[in-house]
Amino acid sequence: MTTVTAYIYPKCSTCRDAMRSLEAKGVRPEKIDLFETPPSKEQLRSFWELSGLPLKKFLNTSGEVYKEMNLKDRIPRMSEDDILELLASNGRLIKRPIVVDGKRITVGFKEEQYKEIWS
């Protein structure tokens, strides 16, 4: 059986909804608190490559830290490497939840996407 890892923030209602959705599909992920143990730059790079998404999709653009750091204006001028470094430095900057099993990945939570990928 493949290990599924979910990077979540336990107090986040979206993360709780996503975990309920996974459990309803019979998926029991290993949960990692994104704020206490953010993924490393290398892990984030592998998630990004696996996802096929633009790197900016990994940013929690609605979060306080993103806004406080004025990242909306800074990100377009940053290298991919610098963005990955920034994400790894503060789990609050990462869009959540990230659910990954090494072959599949979802960033954020949309029930339709979870049905398609995790059922």
PDB file of N, CA and C in Angstrom:
ATOM      1  N   MET A   1       0.838  -1.191   0.000  1.00  0.00           N
ATOM      2  CA  MET A   1       0.000   0.000   0.000  1.00  0.00           C
ATOM      3  C   MET A   1       0.879   1.249   0.000  1.00  0.00           C
ATOM      4  N   THR A   2       0.513   2.217  -0.796  1.00  0.00           N
ATOM      5  CA  THR A   2       1.270   3.452  -0.923  1.00  0.00           C
ATOM      6  C   THR A   2       0.996   4.365   0.267  1.00  0.00           C
ATOM      7  N   THR A   3       2.056   4.990   0.762  1.00  0.00           N
ATOM      8  CA  THR A   3       1.898   5.950   1.844  1.00  0.00           C
ATOM      9  C   THR A   3       1.464   7.290   1.269  1.00  0.00           C
ATOM     10  N   VAL A   4       0.399   7.823   1.832  1.00  0.00           N
ATOM     11  CA  VAL A   4      -0.087   9.143   1.443  1.00  0.00           C
ATOM     12  C   VAL A   4       0.252  10.095   2.581  1.00  0.00           C
ATOM     13  N   THR A   5       0.881  11.208   2.234  1.00  0.00           N
ATOM     14  CA  THR A   5       1.252  12.214   3.219  1.00  0.00           C
ATOM     15  C   THR A   5       0.437  13.473   2.962  1.00  0.00           C
ATOM     16  N   ALA A   6      -0.111  14.040   4.030  1.00  0.00           N
ATOM     17  CA  ALA A   6      -0.887  15.273   3.917  1.00  0.00           C
ATOM     18  C   ALA A   6      -0.213  16.348   4.760  1.00  0.00           C
ATOM     19  N   TYR A   7       0.211  17.410   4.097  1.00  0.00           N
ATOM     20  CA  TYR A   7       0.759  18.577   4.789  1.00  0.00           C
ATOM     21  C   TYR A   7      -0.416  19.505   5.060  1.00  0.00           C
ATOM     22  N   ILE A   8      -0.744  19.655   6.346  1.00  0.00           N
ATOM     23  CA  ILE A   8      -1.943  20.390   6.732  1.00  0.00           C
ATOM     24  C   ILE A   8      -1.632  21.360   7.880  1.00  0.00           C
ATOM     25  N   TYR A   9      -2.578  22.232   8.143  1.00  0.00           N
ATOM     26  CA  TYR A   9      -2.585  22.999   9.385  1.00  0.00           C
ATOM     27  C   TYR A   9      -3.844  22.549  10.103  1.00  0.00           C
ATOM     28  N   PRO A  10      -3.703  21.881  11.263  1.00  0.00           N
ATOM     29  CA  PRO A  10      -4.855  21.266  11.935  1.00  0.00           C
ATOM     30  C   PRO A  10      -6.028  22.220  12.220  1.00  0.00           C
ATOM     31  N   LYS A  11      -5.765  23.505  12.405  1.00  0.00           N
ATOM     32  CA  LYS A  11      -6.843  24.452  12.710  1.00  0.00           C
ATOM     33  C   LYS A  11      -7.522  25.002  11.461  1.00  0.00           C
ATOM     34  N   CYS A  12      -7.048  24.605  10.291  1.00  0.00           N
ATOM     35  CA  CYS A  12      -7.587  25.091   9.011  1.00  0.00           C
ATOM     36  C   CYS A  12      -8.832  24.274   8.638  1.00  0.00           C
ATOM     37  N   SER A  13      -9.969  24.951   8.446  1.00  0.00           N
ATOM     38  CA  SER A  13     -11.206  24.239   8.116  1.00  0.00           C
ATOM     39  C   SER A  13     -11.108  23.548   6.754  1.00  0.00           C
ATOM     40  N   THR A  14     -10.415  24.159   5.800  1.00  0.00           N
ATOM     41  CA  THR A  14     -10.237  23.536   4.479  1.00  0.00           C
ATOM     42  C   THR A  14      -9.441  22.238   4.620  1.00  0.00           C
ATOM     43  N   CYS A  15      -8.410  22.256   5.455  1.00  0.00           N
ATOM     44  CA  CYS A  15      -7.617  21.042   5.684  1.00  0.00           C
ATOM     45  C   CYS A  15      -8.468  19.951   6.334  1.00  0.00           C
ATOM     46  N   ARG A  16      -9.293  20.352   7.307  1.00  0.00           N
ATOM     47  CA  ARG A  16     -10.164  19.362   7.968  1.00  0.00           C
ATOM     48  C   ARG A  16     -11.160  18.772   6.974  1.00  0.00           C
ATOM     49  N   ASP A  17     -11.726  19.607   6.100  1.00  0.00           N
ATOM     50  CA  ASP A  17     -12.647  19.117   5.065  1.00  0.00           C
ATOM     51  C   ASP A  17     -11.928  18.138   4.138  1.00  0.00           C
ATOM     52  N   ALA A  18     -10.708  18.483   3.760  1.00  0.00           N
ATOM     53  CA  ALA A  18      -9.924  17.616   2.867  1.00  0.00           C
ATOM     54  C   ALA A  18      -9.636  16.272   3.525  1.00  0.00           C
ATOM     55  N   MET A  19      -9.301  16.285   4.825  1.00  0.00           N
ATOM     56  CA  MET A  19      -9.015  15.026   5.528  1.00  0.00           C
ATOM     57  C   MET A  19     -10.269  14.167   5.622  1.00  0.00           C
ATOM     58  N   ARG A  20     -11.417  14.791   5.879  1.00  0.00           N
ATOM     59  CA  ARG A  20     -12.693  14.041   5.904  1.00  0.00           C
ATOM     60  C   ARG A  20     -12.963  13.414   4.531  1.00  0.00           C
ATOM     61  N   SER A  21     -12.700  14.175   3.480  1.00  0.00           N
ATOM     62  CA  SER A  21     -12.907  13.682   2.117  1.00  0.00           C
ATOM     63  C   SER A  21     -12.013  12.468   1.836  1.00  0.00           C
ATOM     64  N   LEU A  22     -10.747  12.570   2.215  1.00  0.00           N
ATOM     65  CA  LEU A  22      -9.820  11.447   1.993  1.00  0.00           C
ATOM     66  C   LEU A  22     -10.268  10.224   2.778  1.00  0.00           C
ATOM     67  N   GLU A  23     -10.604  10.430   4.040  1.00  0.00           N
ATOM     68  CA  GLU A  23     -11.005   9.296   4.881  1.00  0.00           C
ATOM     69  C   GLU A  23     -12.276   8.637   4.354  1.00  0.00           C
ATOM     70  N   ALA A  24     -13.196   9.420   3.792  1.00  0.00           N
ATOM     71  CA  ALA A  24     -14.414   8.864   3.192  1.00  0.00           C
ATOM     72  C   ALA A  24     -14.081   7.999   1.969  1.00  0.00           C
ATOM     73  N   LYS A  25     -12.928   8.260   1.362  1.00  0.00           N
ATOM     74  CA  LYS A  25     -12.484   7.484   0.201  1.00  0.00           C
ATOM     75  C   LYS A  25     -11.570   6.331   0.618  1.00  0.00           C
ATOM     76  N   GLY A  26     -11.421   6.129   1.921  1.00  0.00           N
ATOM     77  CA  GLY A  26     -10.595   5.033   2.421  1.00  0.00           C
ATOM     78  C   GLY A  26      -9.110   5.362   2.464  1.00  0.00           C
ATOM     79  N   VAL A  27      -8.757   6.632   2.304  1.00  0.00           N
ATOM     80  CA  VAL A  27      -7.351   7.044   2.343  1.00  0.00           C
ATOM     81  C   VAL A  27      -7.051   7.550   3.746  1.00  0.00           C
ATOM     82  N   ARG A  28      -6.042   6.972   4.380  1.00  0.00           N
ATOM     83  CA  ARG A  28      -5.639   7.377   5.735  1.00  0.00           C
ATOM     84  C   ARG A  28      -4.237   7.995   5.656  1.00  0.00           C
ATOM     85  N   PRO A  29      -4.187   9.302   5.434  1.00  0.00           N
ATOM     86  CA  PRO A  29      -2.881   9.926   5.243  1.00  0.00           C
ATOM     87  C   PRO A  29      -2.092  10.105   6.539  1.00  0.00           C
ATOM     88  N   GLU A  30      -0.776  10.091   6.391  1.00  0.00           N
ATOM     89  CA  GLU A  30       0.097  10.522   7.477  1.00  0.00           C
ATOM     90  C   GLU A  30       0.031  12.045   7.456  1.00  0.00           C
ATOM     91  N   LYS A  31      -0.329  12.653   8.578  1.00  0.00           N
ATOM     92  CA  LYS A  31      -0.515  14.104   8.614  1.00  0.00           C
ATOM     93  C   LYS A  31       0.728  14.783   9.191  1.00  0.00           C
ATOM     94  N   ILE A  32       1.166  15.821   8.502  1.00  0.00           N
ATOM     95  CA  ILE A  32       2.304  16.617   8.955  1.00  0.00           C
ATOM     96  C   ILE A  32       1.845  18.058   9.078  1.00  0.00           C
ATOM     97  N   ASP A  33       2.099  18.654  10.237  1.00  0.00           N
ATOM     98  CA  ASP A  33       1.722  20.053  10.466  1.00  0.00           C
ATOM     99  C   ASP A  33       2.647  20.943   9.635  1.00  0.00           C
ATOM    100  N   LEU A  34       2.052  21.611   8.669  1.00  0.00           N
ATOM    101  CA  LEU A  34       2.772  22.465   7.727  1.00  0.00           C
ATOM    102  C   LEU A  34       3.491  23.611   8.421  1.00  0.00           C
ATOM    103  N   PHE A  35       2.920  24.108   9.511  1.00  0.00           N
ATOM    104  CA  PHE A  35       3.518  25.246  10.209  1.00  0.00           C
ATOM    105  C   PHE A  35       4.696  24.807  11.070  1.00  0.00           C
ATOM    106  N   GLU A  36       4.586  23.629  11.699  1.00  0.00           N
ATOM    107  CA  GLU A  36       5.660  23.129  12.558  1.00  0.00           C
ATOM    108  C   GLU A  36       6.779  22.478  11.755  1.00  0.00           C
ATOM    109  N   THR A  37       6.417  21.785  10.676  1.00  0.00           N
ATOM    110  CA  THR A  37       7.402  21.042   9.882  1.00  0.00           C
ATOM    111  C   THR A  37       7.143  21.281   8.395  1.00  0.00           C
ATOM    112  N   PRO A  38       7.490  22.472   7.890  1.00  0.00           N
ATOM    113  CA  PRO A  38       7.272  22.700   6.457  1.00  0.00           C
ATOM    114  C   PRO A  38       8.181  21.790   5.624  1.00  0.00           C
ATOM    115  N   PRO A  39       7.737  21.424   4.429  1.00  0.00           N
ATOM    116  CA  PRO A  39       8.592  20.607   3.568  1.00  0.00           C
ATOM    117  C   PRO A  39       9.873  21.376   3.228  1.00  0.00           C
ATOM    118  N   SER A  40      10.930  20.628   2.994  1.00  0.00           N
ATOM    119  CA  SER A  40      12.213  21.238   2.627  1.00  0.00           C
ATOM    120  C   SER A  40      12.135  21.796   1.203  1.00  0.00           C
ATOM    121  N   LYS A  41      13.106  22.598   0.869  1.00  0.00           N
ATOM    122  CA  LYS A  41      13.186  23.157  -0.489  1.00  0.00           C
ATOM    123  C   LYS A  41      13.205  22.020  -1.522  1.00  0.00           C
ATOM    124  N   GLU A  42      13.955  20.953  -1.234  1.00  0.00           N
ATOM    125  CA  GLU A  42      14.049  19.814  -2.166  1.00  0.00           C
ATOM    126  C   GLU A  42      12.706  19.094  -2.282  1.00  0.00           C
ATOM    127  N   GLN A  43      12.014  18.908  -1.148  1.00  0.00           N
ATOM    128  CA  GLN A  43      10.688  18.276  -1.195  1.00  0.00           C
ATOM    129  C   GLN A  43       9.730  19.138  -2.013  1.00  0.00           C
ATOM    130  N   LEU A  44       9.753  20.441  -1.759  1.00  0.00           N
ATOM    131  CA  LEU A  44       8.876  21.347  -2.498  1.00  0.00           C
ATOM    132  C   LEU A  44       9.166  21.308  -3.991  1.00  0.00           C
ATOM    133  N   ARG A  45      10.455  21.246  -4.337  1.00  0.00           N
ATOM    134  CA  ARG A  45      10.823  21.160  -5.759  1.00  0.00           C
ATOM    135  C   ARG A  45      10.240  19.878  -6.361  1.00  0.00           C
ATOM    136  N   SER A  46      10.345  18.762  -5.652  1.00  0.00           N
ATOM    137  CA  SER A  46       9.809  17.500  -6.196  1.00  0.00           C
ATOM    138  C   SER A  46       8.282  17.548  -6.279  1.00  0.00           C
ATOM    139  N   PHE A  47       7.614  18.181  -5.285  1.00  0.00           N
ATOM    140  CA  PHE A  47       6.155  18.328  -5.344  1.00  0.00           C
ATOM    141  C   PHE A  47       5.765  19.154  -6.562  1.00  0.00           C
ATOM    142  N   TRP A  48       6.467  20.245  -6.757  1.00  0.00           N
ATOM    143  CA  TRP A  48       6.195  21.159  -7.868  1.00  0.00           C
ATOM    144  C   TRP A  48       6.354  20.431  -9.205  1.00  0.00           C
ATOM    145  N   GLU A  49       7.461  19.695  -9.351  1.00  0.00           N
ATOM    146  CA  GLU A  49       7.715  18.955 -10.597  1.00  0.00           C
ATOM    147  C   GLU A  49       6.650  17.885 -10.823  1.00  0.00           C
ATOM    148  N   LEU A  50       6.269  17.183  -9.755  1.00  0.00           N
ATOM    149  CA  LEU A  50       5.241  16.142  -9.850  1.00  0.00           C
ATOM    150  C   LEU A  50       3.890  16.734 -10.240  1.00  0.00           C
ATOM    151  N   SER A  51       3.592  17.919  -9.717  1.00  0.00           N
ATOM    152  CA  SER A  51       2.272  18.522  -9.919  1.00  0.00           C
ATOM    153  C   SER A  51       2.040  19.022 -11.339  1.00  0.00           C
ATOM    154  N   GLY A  52       3.103  19.498 -11.987  1.00  0.00           N
ATOM    155  CA  GLY A  52       2.946  20.118 -13.294  1.00  0.00           C
ATOM    156  C   GLY A  52       2.289  21.494 -13.213  1.00  0.00           C
ATOM    157  N   LEU A  53       2.094  22.000 -12.001  1.00  0.00           N
ATOM    158  CA  LEU A  53       1.465  23.304 -11.799  1.00  0.00           C
ATOM    159  C   LEU A  53       2.499  24.428 -11.851  1.00  0.00           C
ATOM    160  N   PRO A  54       2.053  25.645 -12.142  1.00  0.00           N
ATOM    161  CA  PRO A  54       2.961  26.788 -12.001  1.00  0.00           C
ATOM    162  C   PRO A  54       3.349  26.904 -10.523  1.00  0.00           C
ATOM    163  N   LEU A  55       4.575  27.296 -10.252  1.00  0.00           N
ATOM    164  CA  LEU A  55       5.059  27.385  -8.874  1.00  0.00           C
ATOM    165  C   LEU A  55       4.186  28.300  -8.017  1.00  0.00           C
ATOM    166  N   LYS A  56       3.630  29.339  -8.620  1.00  0.00           N
ATOM    167  CA  LYS A  56       2.812  30.270  -7.829  1.00  0.00           C
ATOM    168  C   LYS A  56       1.567  29.603  -7.246  1.00  0.00           C
ATOM    169  N   LYS A  57       1.157  28.447  -7.779  1.00  0.00           N
ATOM    170  CA  LYS A  57       0.004  27.721  -7.225  1.00  0.00           C
ATOM    171  C   LYS A  57       0.310  27.142  -5.843  1.00  0.00           C
ATOM    172  N   PHE A  58       1.579  27.119  -5.459  1.00  0.00           N
ATOM    173  CA  PHE A  58       1.972  26.609  -4.144  1.00  0.00           C
ATOM    174  C   PHE A  58       1.957  27.709  -3.087  1.00  0.00           C
ATOM    175  N   LEU A  59       1.700  28.933  -3.495  1.00  0.00           N
ATOM    176  CA  LEU A  59       1.693  30.063  -2.564  1.00  0.00           C
ATOM    177  C   LEU A  59       0.304  30.281  -1.969  1.00  0.00           C
ATOM    178  N   ASN A  60       0.268  30.483  -0.669  1.00  0.00           N
ATOM    179  CA  ASN A  60      -0.970  30.808   0.029  1.00  0.00           C
ATOM    180  C   ASN A  60      -1.185  32.313  -0.114  1.00  0.00           C
ATOM    181  N   THR A  61      -1.724  32.714  -1.256  1.00  0.00           N
ATOM    182  CA  THR A  61      -1.849  34.141  -1.576  1.00  0.00           C
ATOM    183  C   THR A  61      -2.886  34.863  -0.726  1.00  0.00           C
ATOM    184  N   SER A  62      -3.745  34.114  -0.029  1.00  0.00           N
ATOM    185  CA  SER A  62      -4.734  34.770   0.820  1.00  0.00           C
ATOM    186  C   SER A  62      -4.277  34.848   2.276  1.00  0.00           C
ATOM    187  N   GLY A  63      -3.083  34.327   2.556  1.00  0.00           N
ATOM    188  CA  GLY A  63      -2.591  34.313   3.932  1.00  0.00           C
ATOM    189  C   GLY A  63      -2.021  35.645   4.395  1.00  0.00           C
ATOM    190  N   GLU A  64      -2.037  35.836   5.712  1.00  0.00           N
ATOM    191  CA  GLU A  64      -1.539  37.072   6.314  1.00  0.00           C
ATOM    192  C   GLU A  64      -0.060  37.294   6.030  1.00  0.00           C
ATOM    193  N   VAL A  65       0.742  36.238   6.155  1.00  0.00           N
ATOM    194  CA  VAL A  65       2.192  36.384   5.973  1.00  0.00           C
ATOM    195  C   VAL A  65       2.505  36.824   4.540  1.00  0.00           C
ATOM    196  N   TYR A  66       1.800  36.236   3.580  1.00  0.00           N
ATOM    197  CA  TYR A  66       1.982  36.606   2.172  1.00  0.00           C
ATOM    198  C   TYR A  66       1.728  38.102   1.992  1.00  0.00           C
ATOM    199  N   LYS A  67       0.648  38.573   2.594  1.00  0.00           N
ATOM    200  CA  LYS A  67       0.280  39.987   2.467  1.00  0.00           C
ATOM    201  C   LYS A  67       1.251  40.892   3.225  1.00  0.00           C
ATOM    202  N   GLU A  68       1.619  40.486   4.455  1.00  0.00           N
ATOM    203  CA  GLU A  68       2.544  41.281   5.265  1.00  0.00           C
ATOM    204  C   GLU A  68       3.893  41.447   4.570  1.00  0.00           C
ATOM    205  N   MET A  69       4.334  40.398   3.874  1.00  0.00           N
ATOM    206  CA  MET A  69       5.635  40.438   3.201  1.00  0.00           C
ATOM    207  C   MET A  69       5.560  41.108   1.824  1.00  0.00           C
ATOM    208  N   ASN A  70       4.349  41.546   1.448  1.00  0.00           N
ATOM    209  CA  ASN A  70       4.144  42.209   0.154  1.00  0.00           C
ATOM    210  C   ASN A  70       4.648  41.333  -1.006  1.00  0.00           C
ATOM    211  N   LEU A  71       4.345  40.051  -0.925  1.00  0.00           N
ATOM    212  CA  LEU A  71       4.874  39.106  -1.916  1.00  0.00           C
ATOM    213  C   LEU A  71       4.221  39.238  -3.288  1.00  0.00           C
ATOM    214  N   LYS A  72       3.015  39.776  -3.331  1.00  0.00           N
ATOM    215  CA  LYS A  72       2.343  39.957  -4.624  1.00  0.00           C
ATOM    216  C   LYS A  72       3.247  40.736  -5.587  1.00  0.00           C
ATOM    217  N   ASP A  73       3.923  41.740  -5.069  1.00  0.00           N
ATOM    218  CA  ASP A  73       4.813  42.562  -5.899  1.00  0.00           C
ATOM    219  C   ASP A  73       6.206  41.956  -6.036  1.00  0.00           C
ATOM    220  N   ARG A  74       6.618  41.178  -5.048  1.00  0.00           N
ATOM    221  CA  ARG A  74       7.987  40.636  -5.053  1.00  0.00           C
ATOM    222  C   ARG A  74       8.147  39.346  -5.856  1.00  0.00           C
ATOM    223  N   ILE A  75       7.127  38.463  -5.783  1.00  0.00           N
ATOM    224  CA  ILE A  75       7.222  37.135  -6.417  1.00  0.00           C
ATOM    225  C   ILE A  75       7.577  37.206  -7.909  1.00  0.00           C
ATOM    226  N   PRO A  76       6.940  38.097  -8.702  1.00  0.00           N
ATOM    227  CA  PRO A  76       7.256  38.111 -10.137  1.00  0.00           C
ATOM    228  C   PRO A  76       8.738  38.382 -10.451  1.00  0.00           C
ATOM    229  N   ARG A  77       9.448  38.997  -9.523  1.00  0.00           N
ATOM    230  CA  ARG A  77      10.866  39.307  -9.753  1.00  0.00           C
ATOM    231  C   ARG A  77      11.804  38.270  -9.131  1.00  0.00           C
ATOM    232  N   MET A  78      11.232  37.280  -8.453  1.00  0.00           N
ATOM    233  CA  MET A  78      12.054  36.273  -7.765  1.00  0.00           C
ATOM    234  C   MET A  78      12.304  35.068  -8.663  1.00  0.00           C
ATOM    235  N   SER A  79      13.466  34.434  -8.470  1.00  0.00           N
ATOM    236  CA  SER A  79      13.765  33.203  -9.212  1.00  0.00           C
ATOM    237  C   SER A  79      12.971  32.049  -8.601  1.00  0.00           C
ATOM    238  N   GLU A  80      12.803  30.969  -9.358  1.00  0.00           N
ATOM    239  CA  GLU A  80      12.114  29.781  -8.850  1.00  0.00           C
ATOM    240  C   GLU A  80      12.813  29.276  -7.595  1.00  0.00           C
ATOM    241  N   ASP A  81      14.137  29.296  -7.627  1.00  0.00           N
ATOM    242  CA  ASP A  81      14.935  28.843  -6.491  1.00  0.00           C
ATOM    243  C   ASP A  81      14.627  29.668  -5.238  1.00  0.00           C
ATOM    244  N   ASP A  82      14.550  30.990  -5.415  1.00  0.00           N
ATOM    245  CA  ASP A  82      14.261  31.879  -4.284  1.00  0.00           C
ATOM    246  C   ASP A  82      12.848  31.654  -3.747  1.00  0.00           C
ATOM    247  N   ILE A  83      11.907  31.400  -4.641  1.00  0.00           N
ATOM    248  CA  ILE A  83      10.527  31.141  -4.209  1.00  0.00           C
ATOM    249  C   ILE A  83      10.468  29.831  -3.410  1.00  0.00           C
ATOM    250  N   LEU A  84      11.144  28.795  -3.895  1.00  0.00           N
ATOM    251  CA  LEU A  84      11.173  27.519  -3.170  1.00  0.00           C
ATOM    252  C   LEU A  84      11.811  27.695  -1.792  1.00  0.00           C
ATOM    253  N   GLU A  85      12.879  28.466  -1.737  1.00  0.00           N
ATOM    254  CA  GLU A  85      13.563  28.763  -0.473  1.00  0.00           C
ATOM    255  C   GLU A  85      12.606  29.471   0.495  1.00  0.00           C
ATOM    256  N   LEU A  86      11.886  30.440  -0.025  1.00  0.00           N
ATOM    257  CA  LEU A  86      10.924  31.205   0.769  1.00  0.00           C
ATOM    258  C   LEU A  86       9.820  30.291   1.306  1.00  0.00           C
ATOM    259  N   LEU A  87       9.264  29.450   0.450  1.00  0.00           N
ATOM    260  CA  LEU A  87       8.207  28.519   0.864  1.00  0.00           C
ATOM    261  C   LEU A  87       8.710  27.580   1.970  1.00  0.00           C
ATOM    262  N   ALA A  88       9.919  27.069   1.803  1.00  0.00           N
ATOM    263  CA  ALA A  88      10.486  26.140   2.787  1.00  0.00           C
ATOM    264  C   ALA A  88      10.762  26.835   4.126  1.00  0.00           C
ATOM    265  N   SER A  89      10.937  28.136   4.099  1.00  0.00           N
ATOM    266  CA  SER A  89      11.282  28.878   5.319  1.00  0.00           C
ATOM    267  C   SER A  89      10.066  29.173   6.195  1.00  0.00           C
ATOM    268  N   ASN A  90       8.850  29.083   5.623  1.00  0.00           N
ATOM    269  CA  ASN A  90       7.663  29.439   6.398  1.00  0.00           C
ATOM    270  C   ASN A  90       6.445  28.701   5.853  1.00  0.00           C
ATOM    271  N   GLY A  91       5.996  27.689   6.590  1.00  0.00           N
ATOM    272  CA  GLY A  91       4.848  26.884   6.164  1.00  0.00           C
ATOM    273  C   GLY A  91       3.573  27.687   5.961  1.00  0.00           C
ATOM    274  N   ARG A  92       3.488  28.860   6.577  1.00  0.00           N
ATOM    275  CA  ARG A  92       2.294  29.695   6.424  1.00  0.00           C
ATOM    276  C   ARG A  92       2.181  30.271   5.008  1.00  0.00           C
ATOM    277  N   LEU A  93       3.271  30.219   4.260  1.00  0.00           N
ATOM    278  CA  LEU A  93       3.260  30.731   2.889  1.00  0.00           C
ATOM    279  C   LEU A  93       2.791  29.686   1.878  1.00  0.00           C
ATOM    280  N   ILE A  94       2.656  28.445   2.337  1.00  0.00           N
ATOM    281  CA  ILE A  94       2.329  27.335   1.435  1.00  0.00           C
ATOM    282  C   ILE A  94       0.819  27.101   1.389  1.00  0.00           C
ATOM    283  N   LYS A  95       0.293  26.994   0.165  1.00  0.00           N
ATOM    284  CA  LYS A  95      -1.137  26.674  -0.016  1.00  0.00           C
ATOM    285  C   LYS A  95      -1.375  25.290   0.573  1.00  0.00           C
ATOM    286  N   ARG A  96      -2.477  25.168   1.284  1.00  0.00           N
ATOM    287  CA  ARG A  96      -2.743  23.915   1.964  1.00  0.00           C
ATOM    288  C   ARG A  96      -4.155  23.418   1.666  1.00  0.00           C
ATOM    289  N   PRO A  97      -4.318  22.121   1.830  1.00  0.00           N
ATOM    290  CA  PRO A  97      -3.317  21.098   2.124  1.00  0.00           C
ATOM    291  C   PRO A  97      -2.581  20.640   0.868  1.00  0.00           C
ATOM    292  N   ILE A  98      -1.412  20.078   1.086  1.00  0.00           N
ATOM    293  CA  ILE A  98      -0.711  19.363   0.016  1.00  0.00           C
ATOM    294  C   ILE A  98      -0.822  17.887   0.374  1.00  0.00           C
ATOM    295  N   VAL A  99      -1.374  17.105  -0.544  1.00  0.00           N
ATOM    296  CA  VAL A  99      -1.495  15.662  -0.339  1.00  0.00           C
ATOM    297  C   VAL A  99      -0.702  14.987  -1.451  1.00  0.00           C
ATOM    298  N   VAL A 100       0.191  14.077  -1.056  1.00  0.00           N
ATOM    299  CA  VAL A 100       1.106  13.485  -2.031  1.00  0.00           C
ATOM    300  C   VAL A 100       1.390  12.025  -1.677  1.00  0.00           C
ATOM    301  N   ASP A 101       1.554  11.212  -2.700  1.00  0.00           N
ATOM    302  CA  ASP A 101       1.934   9.811  -2.466  1.00  0.00           C
ATOM    303  C   ASP A 101       3.149   9.392  -3.290  1.00  0.00           C
ATOM    304  N   GLY A 102       3.822  10.353  -3.887  1.00  0.00           N
ATOM    305  CA  GLY A 102       5.000  10.034  -4.697  1.00  0.00           C
ATOM    306  C   GLY A 102       4.698   9.936  -6.187  1.00  0.00           C
ATOM    307  N   LYS A 103       3.430   9.626  -6.519  1.00  0.00           N
ATOM    308  CA  LYS A 103       3.017   9.546  -7.922  1.00  0.00           C
ATOM    309  C   LYS A 103       1.941  10.580  -8.238  1.00  0.00           C
ATOM    310  N   ARG A 104       1.134  10.874  -7.219  1.00  0.00           N
ATOM    311  CA  ARG A 104       0.028  11.823  -7.377  1.00  0.00           C
ATOM    312  C   ARG A 104       0.165  12.919  -6.328  1.00  0.00           C
ATOM    313  N   ILE A 105      -0.384  14.094  -6.666  1.00  0.00           N
ATOM    314  CA  ILE A 105      -0.331  15.209  -5.723  1.00  0.00           C
ATOM    315  C   ILE A 105      -1.528  16.125  -5.951  1.00  0.00           C
ATOM    316  N   THR A 106      -2.043  16.681  -4.854  1.00  0.00           N
ATOM    317  CA  THR A 106      -3.042  17.743  -4.948  1.00  0.00           C
ATOM    318  C   THR A 106      -2.566  18.886  -4.061  1.00  0.00           C
ATOM    319  N   VAL A 107      -2.828  20.091  -4.527  1.00  0.00           N
ATOM    320  CA  VAL A 107      -2.479  21.302  -3.787  1.00  0.00           C
ATOM    321  C   VAL A 107      -3.773  22.078  -3.589  1.00  0.00           C
ATOM    322  N   GLY A 108      -4.123  22.321  -2.321  1.00  0.00           N
ATOM    323  CA  GLY A 108      -5.423  22.907  -2.036  1.00  0.00           C
ATOM    324  C   GLY A 108      -6.469  21.807  -2.004  1.00  0.00           C
ATOM    325  N   PHE A 109      -7.731  22.206  -1.838  1.00  0.00           N
ATOM    326  CA  PHE A 109      -8.795  21.209  -1.758  1.00  0.00           C
ATOM    327  C   PHE A 109      -9.972  21.591  -2.632  1.00  0.00           C
ATOM    328  N   LYS A 110     -10.266  20.707  -3.580  1.00  0.00           N
ATOM    329  CA  LYS A 110     -11.481  20.788  -4.385  1.00  0.00           C
ATOM    330  C   LYS A 110     -12.018  19.355  -4.431  1.00  0.00           C
ATOM    331  N   GLU A 111     -13.248  19.174  -3.989  1.00  0.00           N
ATOM    332  CA  GLU A 111     -13.818  17.826  -3.891  1.00  0.00           C
ATOM    333  C   GLU A 111     -13.753  17.076  -5.220  1.00  0.00           C
ATOM    334  N   GLU A 112     -14.068  17.757  -6.333  1.00  0.00           N
ATOM    335  CA  GLU A 112     -14.045  17.086  -7.647  1.00  0.00           C
ATOM    336  C   GLU A 112     -12.661  16.519  -7.938  1.00  0.00           C
ATOM    337  N   GLN A 113     -11.634  17.300  -7.623  1.00  0.00           N
ATOM    338  CA  GLN A 113     -10.265  16.874  -7.864  1.00  0.00           C
ATOM    339  C   GLN A 113      -9.910  15.689  -6.940  1.00  0.00           C
ATOM    340  N   TYR A 114     -10.346  15.743  -5.703  1.00  0.00           N
ATOM    341  CA  TYR A 114     -10.074  14.653  -4.778  1.00  0.00           C
ATOM    342  C   TYR A 114     -10.760  13.362  -5.250  1.00  0.00           C
ATOM    343  N   LYS A 115     -11.991  13.482  -5.765  1.00  0.00           N
ATOM    344  CA  LYS A 115     -12.713  12.312  -6.291  1.00  0.00           C
ATOM    345  C   LYS A 115     -11.908  11.670  -7.410  1.00  0.00           C
ATOM    346  N   GLU A 116     -11.413  12.531  -8.297  1.00  0.00           N
ATOM    347  CA  GLU A 116     -10.677  12.047  -9.469  1.00  0.00           C
ATOM    348  C   GLU A 116      -9.336  11.427  -9.075  1.00  0.00           C
ATOM    349  N   ILE A 117      -8.616  12.050  -8.170  1.00  0.00           N
ATOM    350  CA  ILE A 117      -7.249  11.623  -7.879  1.00  0.00           C
ATOM    351  C   ILE A 117      -7.155  10.613  -6.744  1.00  0.00           C
ATOM    352  N   TRP A 118      -7.952  10.776  -5.682  1.00  0.00           N
ATOM    353  CA  TRP A 118      -7.774   9.949  -4.495  1.00  0.00           C
ATOM    354  C   TRP A 118      -8.811   8.843  -4.318  1.00  0.00           C
ATOM    355  N   SER A 119      -9.755   8.703  -5.249  1.00  0.00           N
ATOM    356  CA  SER A 119     -10.736   7.601  -5.108  1.00  0.00           C
ATOM    357  C   SER A 119     -10.149   6.293  -5.591  1.00  0.00           C
TER     358      SER A 119
END
